[in-house]
Every structure is written in C-alpha cells, then in structure tokens.
Amino acid sequence: MKATLLLCDAAQVDPAGKVHILGAGWTVVTVARGTPVLAHAVVAIAHVPWNETHEPHRLRLRLEDEDGRPVMIGPAPDQLAPLIHEQQIEVGRPPGAPEGITFDVPVVVSVGPGMPLTEGRYSWRLEIDGASDEDWFVSFHVRVT
C-alpha cells in the first residue's frame, strides 16, 4: 500500500470522498514564547490497491519528536499520553472497477489549538496495518520567538 501525507491549517472530507484543504504545505510554525501551537490538520490519503479492497485496514497517526519518540500530551504531568489517532478503513470495489486500479481513502485528523510544543522538529508518522514506510511521515518545525 502507498500513502500521502500533508499538513494544513484545516481540512475536511466531503460525502463524495474529496478532501477540501485550507492553508496546505507549511513546514514551519512560529509561536510567541509561552504560546501553544495553533490548530492544524493532518491529511493522510491511503492508496488502497485493487487486491486489498474488501479488507479492513488499521491506520495509526502518531506525533513524534525529532528523535522519533512519541509526543506526550495531557492536562497534567501525571496524565500524559502519546498523541495518537487510530482508525479502521475498508474500501469496497465497485462493480466494473478495472483490475489493478487503486482506491484513495482520505483521512483527516484535526488537531485543536493549545498543543504546548517546545521549539524543535516534529513529525506525524503513519502506520497501516502495523507497518510504516520511510515516506509515511510529514514533518514541521516549531520556532519560538
């Protein structure tokens, strides 16, 4: 399976399965010292091969720091947990779909404002069915002024 990831200010999937995106393609977030990161969205598009349709697939998006460790978020220091989004997808194969075609399944994860990230590089990493790929991540840098 292949996948595409993109960072944007906001996104949503319409009933037809198309993704509508605002403010896409950024890699640097500038925040004032003591100010949390603004809201954003991660768009992951799974390109499901014809022969993997009619099967459940588990998607997992995880926010990591520059060392590949999960970013821990919580209301209090003793209530921290990794920032992870998990979702199951399954795509059907419409009658008459030519053999060999792929089917795109978009997943949008909206992240609310207020993430207290320190200055540094972060990545959203995707896993599908427990596997990842060197290209299944999108990185951004938090710059504090």
Protein backbone atom coordinates (compact mmCIF):
# COMPACT_ATOMS: atom_id res chain seq x y z
CA MET A 1 0.00 0.00 0.00
CA LYS A 2 1.09 3.60 -0.55
CA ALA A 3 0.08 6.78 1.27
CA THR A 4 0.35 10.55 1.00
CA LEU A 5 0.51 12.90 3.99
CA LEU A 6 0.05 16.67 4.07
CA LEU A 7 -0.06 19.34 6.78
CA CYS A 8 -2.60 22.13 6.51
CA ASP A 9 -4.45 24.70 8.56
CA ALA A 10 -7.78 22.91 8.14
CA ALA A 11 -9.33 20.14 6.06
CA GLN A 12 -12.45 18.04 5.72
CA VAL A 13 -13.65 15.11 3.66
CA ASP A 14 -16.95 15.62 1.82
CA PRO A 15 -19.54 12.86 1.30
CA ALA A 16 -18.07 12.11 -2.16
CA GLY A 17 -14.68 11.35 -0.58
CA LYS A 18 -12.92 14.51 -1.80
CA VAL A 19 -10.66 16.42 0.58
CA HIS A 20 -11.12 20.18 0.91
CA ILE A 21 -7.96 21.80 2.26
CA LEU A 22 -7.07 25.30 3.55
CA GLY A 23 -3.53 26.56 4.10
CA ALA A 24 -1.68 23.47 2.90
CA GLY A 25 2.01 22.80 2.52
CA TRP A 26 3.58 24.56 5.50
CA THR A 27 6.58 23.24 7.40
CA VAL A 28 7.31 25.96 9.99
CA VAL A 29 5.06 27.17 12.82
CA THR A 30 6.13 30.35 14.60
CA VAL A 31 4.73 30.96 18.08
CA ALA A 32 5.49 33.51 20.77
CA ARG A 33 7.25 32.17 23.86
CA GLY A 34 4.68 30.60 26.18
CA THR A 35 2.05 30.39 23.43
CA PRO A 36 0.78 26.97 22.34
CA VAL A 37 0.72 25.81 18.73
CA LEU A 38 -2.37 26.80 16.74
CA ALA A 39 -4.89 24.30 15.41
CA HIS A 40 -3.94 22.35 12.30
CA ALA A 41 -4.90 19.23 10.38
CA VAL A 42 -3.09 16.21 9.01
CA VAL A 43 -4.39 14.72 5.79
CA ALA A 44 -3.49 11.09 5.13
CA ILE A 45 -4.58 9.51 1.89
CA ALA A 46 -4.24 5.73 1.79
CA HIS A 47 -3.91 4.43 -1.77
CA VAL A 48 -5.54 1.01 -1.42
CA PRO A 49 -4.64 -1.48 -4.18
CA TRP A 50 -7.43 -3.32 -6.00
CA ASN A 51 -6.44 -6.64 -4.41
CA GLU A 52 -6.64 -5.17 -0.86
CA THR A 53 -10.22 -3.95 -1.13
CA HIS A 54 -12.98 -5.53 0.95
CA GLU A 55 -10.46 -5.94 3.79
CA PRO A 56 -10.22 -3.87 6.97
CA HIS A 57 -7.04 -1.81 7.32
CA ARG A 58 -5.89 -0.14 10.55
CA LEU A 59 -4.46 3.38 10.22
CA ARG A 60 -2.46 4.94 13.02
CA LEU A 61 -1.10 8.51 13.02
CA ARG A 62 1.32 9.41 15.79
CA LEU A 63 3.06 12.69 16.62
CA GLU A 64 6.79 12.17 17.24
CA ASP A 65 9.63 14.42 18.32
CA GLU A 66 12.85 14.78 16.33
CA ASP A 67 14.24 11.62 17.95
CA GLY A 68 11.24 9.50 16.90
CA ARG A 69 9.76 9.36 20.41
CA PRO A 70 6.00 9.84 20.88
CA VAL A 71 4.97 13.33 21.93
CA MET A 72 3.23 13.12 25.27
CA ILE A 73 0.24 15.44 25.84
CA GLY A 74 -2.11 15.74 28.79
CA PRO A 75 -3.89 18.07 31.20
CA ALA A 76 -1.34 17.43 33.95
CA PRO A 77 2.19 15.98 34.17
CA ASP A 78 0.85 12.77 35.73
CA GLN A 79 -1.78 12.36 32.98
CA LEU A 80 0.40 12.39 29.85
CA ALA A 81 -0.33 10.08 26.93
CA PRO A 82 1.02 9.82 23.38
CA LEU A 83 -0.85 11.84 20.77
CA ILE A 84 -2.21 9.08 18.52
CA HIS A 85 -5.16 8.82 16.14
CA GLU A 86 -6.30 5.30 15.18
CA GLN A 87 -8.94 4.44 12.66
CA GLN A 88 -10.09 1.44 10.67
CA ILE A 89 -10.85 1.85 6.98
CA GLU A 90 -12.31 -0.53 4.44
CA VAL A 91 -12.89 0.27 0.80
CA GLY A 92 -15.24 -1.62 -1.44
CA ARG A 93 -14.61 -2.47 -5.04
CA PRO A 94 -17.39 -1.07 -7.22
CA PRO A 95 -18.77 -3.36 -9.92
CA GLY A 96 -16.83 -2.92 -13.14
CA ALA A 97 -13.73 -1.44 -11.46
CA PRO A 98 -10.79 -2.46 -13.63
CA GLU A 99 -8.33 -4.87 -12.08
CA GLY A 100 -5.18 -3.12 -10.89
CA ILE A 101 -6.76 0.24 -10.06
CA THR A 102 -6.10 1.83 -6.66
CA PHE A 103 -8.72 3.47 -4.47
CA ASP A 104 -7.87 6.59 -2.45
CA VAL A 105 -9.20 6.75 1.09
CA PRO A 106 -8.69 10.17 2.72
CA VAL A 107 -8.45 10.53 6.48
CA VAL A 108 -8.37 13.97 8.10
CA VAL A 109 -7.18 14.41 11.66
CA SER A 110 -7.95 17.84 13.08
CA VAL A 111 -5.74 18.91 15.96
CA GLY A 112 -7.22 21.58 18.20
CA PRO A 113 -5.34 24.63 19.38
CA GLY A 114 -3.30 24.58 22.52
CA MET A 115 -0.65 21.93 21.96
CA PRO A 116 2.26 23.01 24.20
CA LEU A 117 5.15 22.06 21.91
CA THR A 118 8.65 23.35 22.59
CA GLU A 119 10.94 24.60 19.85
CA GLY A 120 12.11 21.78 17.58
CA ARG A 121 11.16 19.40 14.79
CA TYR A 122 8.11 17.14 14.96
CA SER A 123 6.65 14.55 12.61
CA TRP A 124 3.29 12.93 12.09
CA ARG A 125 4.05 9.27 11.26
CA LEU A 126 1.57 6.92 9.62
CA GLU A 127 1.31 3.18 10.11
CA ILE A 128 -1.05 0.99 8.12
CA ASP A 129 -1.75 -2.49 9.47
CA GLY A 130 1.25 -2.15 11.81
CA ALA A 131 3.70 -1.32 9.02
CA SER A 132 5.26 2.01 8.15
CA ASP A 133 7.33 3.34 5.28
CA GLU A 134 10.16 5.84 5.19
CA ASP A 135 7.87 8.17 3.21
CA TRP A 136 4.84 7.90 5.50
CA PHE A 137 5.55 10.96 7.60
CA VAL A 138 5.24 14.72 7.36
CA SER A 139 7.47 17.00 9.46
CA PHE A 140 7.22 20.52 10.77
CA HIS A 141 9.39 22.80 12.88
CA VAL A 142 8.15 24.85 15.82
CA ARG A 143 10.00 28.16 16.01
CA VAL A 144 9.65 30.21 19.22
CA THR A 145 10.14 33.98 19.06
